[in-house]
Amino acid sequence: MLSALDRDFAPLQAALDLRAQRQQLLAANVANADTPGYKAVDLDFSAAFAAALSGQQHGPLGLKTDQPRQVAAKAGDPGTEFVGYETGNPSRLDGNSVDMNREQATFQKNSIQYEADLTFLTGKIKLLMSAITG
């Protein structure tokens, strides 16, 4: 049974976890901007957040790796089933589909949203602390 605090903080925790994972994906896109054949990926935040709030738990996305140095998804990664290739980006001649302008703008927007979620969480904690200490 969830306590009132768990119910209050669960949506914020889910949002922060998903935003952090999205930030990693966007950073990987930027890092691989010059990698031939790399396809840009992103997290469908809205769908992942809705699933997290409704309590739907899907298994982690099974990533196919063909090199032992490639990193597979961990069992605890949130929202891995909502990761997909970005659409609308034209592929260059080398097969890379990273659009640096779009990636940088999305990265910055996600950073701002992460900071906003964190500020909201901090505000809730300060409010509770104020209520406790008087």
N, C-alpha and C. Protein backbone atom coordinates (compact mmCIF):
# COMPACT_ATOMS: atom_id res chain seq x y z
N MET A 1 0.84 -1.17 0.00
CA MET A 1 0.00 0.00 0.00
C MET A 1 0.89 1.24 0.00
N LEU A 2 0.61 2.15 -0.88
CA LEU A 2 1.41 3.36 -0.99
C LEU A 2 0.98 4.38 0.06
N SER A 3 1.98 5.04 0.64
CA SER A 3 1.67 6.10 1.58
C SER A 3 1.29 7.36 0.80
N ALA A 4 0.79 8.36 1.52
CA ALA A 4 0.39 9.62 0.87
C ALA A 4 1.60 10.30 0.24
N LEU A 5 2.75 10.21 0.89
CA LEU A 5 3.97 10.81 0.33
C LEU A 5 4.39 10.11 -0.96
N ASP A 6 4.29 8.78 -0.97
CA ASP A 6 4.63 8.05 -2.18
C ASP A 6 3.72 8.44 -3.33
N ARG A 7 2.44 8.57 -3.06
CA ARG A 7 1.48 8.96 -4.10
C ARG A 7 1.76 10.38 -4.59
N ASP A 8 2.17 11.24 -3.67
CA ASP A 8 2.46 12.64 -4.03
C ASP A 8 3.72 12.77 -4.88
N PHE A 9 4.73 12.00 -4.54
CA PHE A 9 6.02 12.15 -5.21
C PHE A 9 6.23 11.21 -6.39
N ALA A 10 5.40 10.19 -6.54
CA ALA A 10 5.58 9.22 -7.63
C ALA A 10 5.55 9.86 -9.02
N PRO A 11 4.59 10.76 -9.31
CA PRO A 11 4.60 11.36 -10.66
C PRO A 11 5.86 12.19 -10.91
N LEU A 12 6.33 12.90 -9.90
CA LEU A 12 7.54 13.70 -10.08
C LEU A 12 8.77 12.81 -10.27
N GLN A 13 8.82 11.71 -9.52
CA GLN A 13 9.94 10.79 -9.69
C GLN A 13 9.92 10.18 -11.09
N ALA A 14 8.75 9.79 -11.56
CA ALA A 14 8.64 9.21 -12.90
C ALA A 14 9.06 10.22 -13.95
N ALA A 15 8.62 11.47 -13.80
CA ALA A 15 8.97 12.51 -14.77
C ALA A 15 10.47 12.76 -14.79
N LEU A 16 11.09 12.83 -13.61
CA LEU A 16 12.53 13.05 -13.56
C LEU A 16 13.30 11.88 -14.16
N ASP A 17 12.88 10.65 -13.85
CA ASP A 17 13.54 9.47 -14.41
C ASP A 17 13.45 9.46 -15.93
N LEU A 18 12.27 9.74 -16.45
CA LEU A 18 12.08 9.72 -17.90
C LEU A 18 12.84 10.86 -18.58
N ARG A 19 12.85 12.03 -17.98
CA ARG A 19 13.59 13.16 -18.56
C ARG A 19 15.09 12.88 -18.56
N ALA A 20 15.57 12.24 -17.49
CA ALA A 20 17.00 11.88 -17.43
C ALA A 20 17.35 10.87 -18.53
N GLN A 21 16.47 9.89 -18.73
CA GLN A 21 16.74 8.91 -19.78
C GLN A 21 16.69 9.57 -21.15
N ARG A 22 15.74 10.48 -21.35
CA ARG A 22 15.65 11.17 -22.64
C ARG A 22 16.90 12.01 -22.89
N GLN A 23 17.41 12.62 -21.83
CA GLN A 23 18.62 13.44 -21.97
C GLN A 23 19.79 12.58 -22.43
N GLN A 24 19.89 11.37 -21.91
CA GLN A 24 20.95 10.45 -22.33
C GLN A 24 20.81 10.08 -23.80
N LEU A 25 19.59 9.83 -24.23
CA LEU A 25 19.37 9.49 -25.64
C LEU A 25 19.73 10.65 -26.56
N LEU A 26 19.33 11.86 -26.17
CA LEU A 26 19.64 13.04 -26.98
C LEU A 26 21.14 13.32 -27.00
N ALA A 27 21.80 13.10 -25.88
CA ALA A 27 23.26 13.27 -25.83
C ALA A 27 23.95 12.25 -26.73
N ALA A 28 23.42 11.03 -26.77
CA ALA A 28 23.99 10.02 -27.65
C ALA A 28 23.80 10.41 -29.12
N ASN A 29 22.66 11.02 -29.45
CA ASN A 29 22.45 11.48 -30.82
C ASN A 29 23.49 12.53 -31.20
N VAL A 30 23.72 13.50 -30.30
CA VAL A 30 24.70 14.55 -30.58
C VAL A 30 26.09 13.95 -30.71
N ALA A 31 26.42 13.01 -29.82
CA ALA A 31 27.74 12.39 -29.86
C ALA A 31 27.97 11.59 -31.13
N ASN A 32 26.90 11.07 -31.71
CA ASN A 32 27.02 10.24 -32.92
C ASN A 32 26.63 10.99 -34.18
N ALA A 33 26.70 12.31 -34.14
CA ALA A 33 26.31 13.11 -35.30
C ALA A 33 27.15 12.82 -36.53
N ASP A 34 28.37 12.37 -36.36
CA ASP A 34 29.25 12.09 -37.49
C ASP A 34 29.48 10.59 -37.70
N THR A 35 28.70 9.76 -37.04
CA THR A 35 28.85 8.31 -37.18
C THR A 35 28.05 7.83 -38.39
N PRO A 36 28.71 7.27 -39.39
CA PRO A 36 27.97 6.79 -40.56
C PRO A 36 26.95 5.71 -40.18
N GLY A 37 25.75 5.85 -40.70
CA GLY A 37 24.71 4.86 -40.48
C GLY A 37 23.95 5.01 -39.17
N TYR A 38 24.30 5.98 -38.34
CA TYR A 38 23.62 6.16 -37.06
C TYR A 38 22.23 6.76 -37.29
N LYS A 39 21.24 6.18 -36.65
CA LYS A 39 19.86 6.67 -36.74
C LYS A 39 19.51 7.33 -35.40
N ALA A 40 19.05 8.57 -35.46
CA ALA A 40 18.69 9.32 -34.26
C ALA A 40 17.50 8.67 -33.57
N VAL A 41 17.55 8.59 -32.24
CA VAL A 41 16.48 8.01 -31.45
C VAL A 41 15.97 9.04 -30.45
N ASP A 42 14.76 8.83 -29.98
CA ASP A 42 14.18 9.71 -28.97
C ASP A 42 13.17 8.90 -28.17
N LEU A 43 12.80 9.46 -27.03
CA LEU A 43 11.83 8.85 -26.14
C LEU A 43 10.50 9.56 -26.30
N ASP A 44 9.43 8.81 -26.48
CA ASP A 44 8.09 9.40 -26.53
C ASP A 44 7.69 9.67 -25.09
N PHE A 45 8.04 10.88 -24.61
CA PHE A 45 7.86 11.21 -23.20
C PHE A 45 6.40 11.13 -22.78
N SER A 46 5.51 11.66 -23.59
CA SER A 46 4.08 11.68 -23.23
C SER A 46 3.54 10.27 -23.00
N ALA A 47 3.84 9.37 -23.91
CA ALA A 47 3.35 8.00 -23.79
C ALA A 47 4.01 7.28 -22.60
N ALA A 48 5.31 7.50 -22.42
CA ALA A 48 6.02 6.85 -21.32
C ALA A 48 5.53 7.37 -19.97
N PHE A 49 5.27 8.67 -19.89
CA PHE A 49 4.80 9.26 -18.63
C PHE A 49 3.38 8.78 -18.32
N ALA A 50 2.54 8.73 -19.34
CA ALA A 50 1.17 8.23 -19.14
C ALA A 50 1.18 6.78 -18.67
N ALA A 51 2.07 5.97 -19.25
CA ALA A 51 2.18 4.57 -18.82
C ALA A 51 2.70 4.47 -17.40
N ALA A 52 3.65 5.33 -17.05
CA ALA A 52 4.19 5.32 -15.68
C ALA A 52 3.12 5.72 -14.67
N LEU A 53 2.29 6.71 -15.01
CA LEU A 53 1.24 7.15 -14.10
C LEU A 53 0.13 6.12 -13.95
N SER A 54 -0.15 5.38 -15.02
CA SER A 54 -1.22 4.39 -14.95
C SER A 54 -0.73 3.07 -14.36
N GLY A 55 0.56 2.97 -14.11
CA GLY A 55 1.11 1.77 -13.49
C GLY A 55 1.37 0.64 -14.47
N GLN A 56 1.29 0.92 -15.75
CA GLN A 56 1.59 -0.12 -16.73
C GLN A 56 3.08 -0.41 -16.71
N GLN A 57 3.41 -1.64 -16.53
CA GLN A 57 4.81 -2.04 -16.53
C GLN A 57 5.03 -3.00 -17.68
N HIS A 58 5.78 -2.53 -18.64
CA HIS A 58 6.15 -3.40 -19.76
C HIS A 58 7.58 -3.82 -19.53
N GLY A 59 7.93 -4.93 -20.10
CA GLY A 59 9.31 -5.36 -19.98
C GLY A 59 10.24 -4.42 -20.73
N PRO A 60 11.51 -4.44 -20.36
CA PRO A 60 12.44 -3.55 -21.06
C PRO A 60 12.61 -3.97 -22.51
N LEU A 61 12.91 -3.02 -23.32
CA LEU A 61 13.11 -3.26 -24.74
C LEU A 61 14.34 -4.13 -24.92
N GLY A 62 14.20 -5.23 -25.60
CA GLY A 62 15.35 -6.09 -25.85
C GLY A 62 16.14 -5.56 -27.04
N LEU A 63 17.27 -4.98 -26.77
CA LEU A 63 18.08 -4.41 -27.84
C LEU A 63 18.99 -5.48 -28.42
N LYS A 64 19.05 -5.53 -29.72
CA LYS A 64 19.94 -6.47 -30.39
C LYS A 64 21.32 -5.83 -30.46
N THR A 65 22.30 -6.52 -29.94
CA THR A 65 23.68 -6.04 -30.01
C THR A 65 24.48 -7.04 -30.82
N ASP A 66 25.32 -6.52 -31.71
CA ASP A 66 26.14 -7.42 -32.51
C ASP A 66 27.62 -7.27 -32.20
N GLN A 67 27.95 -6.49 -31.21
CA GLN A 67 29.32 -6.34 -30.75
C GLN A 67 29.32 -6.46 -29.23
N PRO A 68 30.31 -7.12 -28.63
CA PRO A 68 30.31 -7.27 -27.17
C PRO A 68 30.47 -5.94 -26.42
N ARG A 69 30.96 -4.91 -27.09
CA ARG A 69 31.15 -3.62 -26.42
C ARG A 69 29.89 -2.76 -26.43
N GLN A 70 28.87 -3.17 -27.13
CA GLN A 70 27.63 -2.40 -27.17
C GLN A 70 26.86 -2.57 -25.87
N VAL A 71 26.19 -1.52 -25.46
CA VAL A 71 25.46 -1.53 -24.20
C VAL A 71 24.00 -1.86 -24.46
N ALA A 72 23.51 -2.86 -23.78
CA ALA A 72 22.11 -3.24 -23.90
C ALA A 72 21.30 -2.52 -22.83
N ALA A 73 19.98 -2.50 -22.99
CA ALA A 73 19.10 -1.87 -22.00
C ALA A 73 19.16 -2.65 -20.71
N LYS A 74 19.15 -1.93 -19.60
CA LYS A 74 19.12 -2.57 -18.29
C LYS A 74 17.68 -2.83 -17.90
N ALA A 75 17.47 -3.80 -17.07
CA ALA A 75 16.11 -4.18 -16.68
C ALA A 75 15.38 -3.05 -15.97
N GLY A 76 16.09 -2.18 -15.29
CA GLY A 76 15.43 -1.13 -14.54
C GLY A 76 15.25 0.18 -15.29
N ASP A 77 15.68 0.28 -16.53
CA ASP A 77 15.57 1.53 -17.27
C ASP A 77 14.10 1.87 -17.51
N PRO A 78 13.68 3.07 -17.09
CA PRO A 78 12.28 3.44 -17.29
C PRO A 78 12.01 3.82 -18.74
N GLY A 79 10.86 3.43 -19.23
CA GLY A 79 10.41 3.88 -20.54
C GLY A 79 11.14 3.33 -21.74
N THR A 80 11.93 2.27 -21.57
CA THR A 80 12.70 1.78 -22.72
C THR A 80 11.82 1.30 -23.86
N GLU A 81 10.59 0.88 -23.54
CA GLU A 81 9.71 0.43 -24.63
C GLU A 81 9.16 1.59 -25.44
N PHE A 82 9.41 2.83 -25.01
CA PHE A 82 8.92 4.00 -25.73
C PHE A 82 10.03 4.71 -26.51
N VAL A 83 11.17 4.06 -26.63
CA VAL A 83 12.28 4.61 -27.39
C VAL A 83 12.12 4.17 -28.85
N GLY A 84 12.25 5.13 -29.74
CA GLY A 84 12.12 4.80 -31.16
C GLY A 84 12.94 5.75 -32.01
N TYR A 85 13.05 5.44 -33.27
CA TYR A 85 13.79 6.29 -34.19
C TYR A 85 13.02 7.59 -34.42
N GLU A 86 13.75 8.68 -34.51
CA GLU A 86 13.12 9.96 -34.83
C GLU A 86 12.66 9.93 -36.28
N THR A 87 11.49 10.48 -36.50
CA THR A 87 10.97 10.54 -37.86
C THR A 87 11.06 11.97 -38.36
N GLY A 88 11.13 12.12 -39.65
CA GLY A 88 11.17 13.44 -40.26
C GLY A 88 12.56 13.97 -40.51
N ASN A 89 13.57 13.29 -40.01
CA ASN A 89 14.94 13.72 -40.27
C ASN A 89 15.43 13.09 -41.57
N PRO A 90 15.93 13.89 -42.49
CA PRO A 90 16.47 13.29 -43.71
C PRO A 90 17.81 12.63 -43.41
N SER A 91 18.03 11.50 -44.04
CA SER A 91 19.32 10.83 -43.88
C SER A 91 20.32 11.43 -44.85
N ARG A 92 21.55 11.56 -44.36
CA ARG A 92 22.62 12.05 -45.23
C ARG A 92 23.10 10.89 -46.10
N LEU A 93 24.03 11.19 -46.97
CA LEU A 93 24.55 10.15 -47.87
C LEU A 93 25.18 8.99 -47.11
N ASP A 94 25.75 9.27 -45.92
CA ASP A 94 26.38 8.20 -45.14
C ASP A 94 25.37 7.43 -44.29
N GLY A 95 24.07 7.77 -44.38
CA GLY A 95 23.03 7.05 -43.65
C GLY A 95 22.74 7.61 -42.27
N ASN A 96 23.43 8.65 -41.86
CA ASN A 96 23.22 9.26 -40.55
C ASN A 96 22.00 10.17 -40.61
N SER A 97 21.12 10.08 -39.60
CA SER A 97 19.90 10.89 -39.61
C SER A 97 19.85 11.93 -38.50
N VAL A 98 21.00 12.28 -37.91
CA VAL A 98 21.02 13.26 -36.83
C VAL A 98 20.99 14.67 -37.42
N ASP A 99 20.01 15.46 -37.00
CA ASP A 99 19.91 16.87 -37.36
C ASP A 99 20.37 17.65 -36.13
N MET A 100 21.58 18.21 -36.18
CA MET A 100 22.18 18.85 -35.00
C MET A 100 21.33 20.00 -34.47
N ASN A 101 20.74 20.80 -35.33
CA ASN A 101 19.90 21.90 -34.86
C ASN A 101 18.71 21.38 -34.05
N ARG A 102 18.06 20.36 -34.58
CA ARG A 102 16.91 19.78 -33.89
C ARG A 102 17.34 19.13 -32.58
N GLU A 103 18.45 18.42 -32.61
CA GLU A 103 18.93 17.73 -31.40
C GLU A 103 19.29 18.72 -30.31
N GLN A 104 19.99 19.78 -30.67
CA GLN A 104 20.39 20.77 -29.67
C GLN A 104 19.17 21.48 -29.09
N ALA A 105 18.19 21.81 -29.92
CA ALA A 105 16.98 22.47 -29.43
C ALA A 105 16.20 21.53 -28.51
N THR A 106 16.07 20.28 -28.90
CA THR A 106 15.35 19.31 -28.08
C THR A 106 16.08 19.05 -26.77
N PHE A 107 17.41 18.97 -26.85
CA PHE A 107 18.24 18.76 -25.65
C PHE A 107 18.03 19.91 -24.67
N GLN A 108 18.06 21.14 -25.17
CA GLN A 108 17.89 22.32 -24.32
C GLN A 108 16.49 22.36 -23.71
N LYS A 109 15.47 22.06 -24.51
CA LYS A 109 14.09 22.06 -24.02
C LYS A 109 13.92 21.00 -22.94
N ASN A 110 14.48 19.82 -23.14
CA ASN A 110 14.39 18.76 -22.15
C ASN A 110 15.12 19.15 -20.86
N SER A 111 16.25 19.84 -20.99
CA SER A 111 16.99 20.31 -19.82
C SER A 111 16.15 21.29 -19.00
N ILE A 112 15.49 22.20 -19.69
CA ILE A 112 14.65 23.19 -19.01
C ILE A 112 13.48 22.50 -18.31
N GLN A 113 12.89 21.51 -18.98
CA GLN A 113 11.76 20.80 -18.39
C GLN A 113 12.22 19.98 -17.17
N TYR A 114 13.42 19.41 -17.25
CA TYR A 114 13.98 18.67 -16.11
C TYR A 114 14.17 19.61 -14.92
N GLU A 115 14.74 20.78 -15.19
CA GLU A 115 14.95 21.78 -14.13
C GLU A 115 13.63 22.23 -13.54
N ALA A 116 12.61 22.39 -14.37
CA ALA A 116 11.28 22.79 -13.87
C ALA A 116 10.70 21.72 -12.97
N ASP A 117 10.81 20.46 -13.38
CA ASP A 117 10.32 19.36 -12.55
C ASP A 117 11.06 19.32 -11.22
N LEU A 118 12.37 19.52 -11.28
CA LEU A 118 13.18 19.52 -10.07
C LEU A 118 12.82 20.68 -9.15
N THR A 119 12.57 21.85 -9.72
CA THR A 119 12.16 23.01 -8.94
C THR A 119 10.81 22.76 -8.28
N PHE A 120 9.89 22.14 -9.02
CA PHE A 120 8.57 21.82 -8.46
C PHE A 120 8.71 20.83 -7.31
N LEU A 121 9.56 19.81 -7.47
CA LEU A 121 9.79 18.83 -6.41
C LEU A 121 10.40 19.49 -5.18
N THR A 122 11.37 20.38 -5.39
CA THR A 122 12.00 21.10 -4.29
C THR A 122 10.97 21.95 -3.55
N GLY A 123 10.08 22.59 -4.29
CA GLY A 123 9.03 23.39 -3.68
C GLY A 123 8.10 22.55 -2.81
N LYS A 124 7.74 21.35 -3.30
CA LYS A 124 6.88 20.46 -2.52
C LYS A 124 7.58 20.02 -1.23
N ILE A 125 8.87 19.73 -1.34
CA ILE A 125 9.62 19.31 -0.14
C ILE A 125 9.72 20.46 0.85
N LYS A 126 9.99 21.66 0.37
CA LYS A 126 10.05 22.82 1.26
C LYS A 126 8.71 23.08 1.94
N LEU A 127 7.62 22.90 1.20
CA LEU A 127 6.29 23.09 1.77
C LEU A 127 6.04 22.07 2.88
N LEU A 128 6.41 20.82 2.65
CA LEU A 128 6.25 19.79 3.68
C LEU A 128 7.13 20.08 4.89
N MET A 129 8.35 20.50 4.65
CA MET A 129 9.25 20.84 5.75
C MET A 129 8.70 22.00 6.57
N SER A 130 8.13 22.98 5.89
CA SER A 130 7.51 24.12 6.57
C SER A 130 6.32 23.67 7.41
N ALA A 131 5.54 22.76 6.90
CA ALA A 131 4.39 22.26 7.64
C ALA A 131 4.83 21.44 8.86
N ILE A 132 5.93 20.72 8.73
CA ILE A 132 6.42 19.90 9.83
C ILE A 132 7.04 20.75 10.92
N THR A 133 7.88 21.70 10.51
CA THR A 133 8.61 22.50 11.50
C THR A 133 7.82 23.71 12.00
N GLY A 134 6.82 24.11 11.29
CA GLY A 134 5.96 25.21 11.73
C GLY A 134 6.43 26.59 11.38
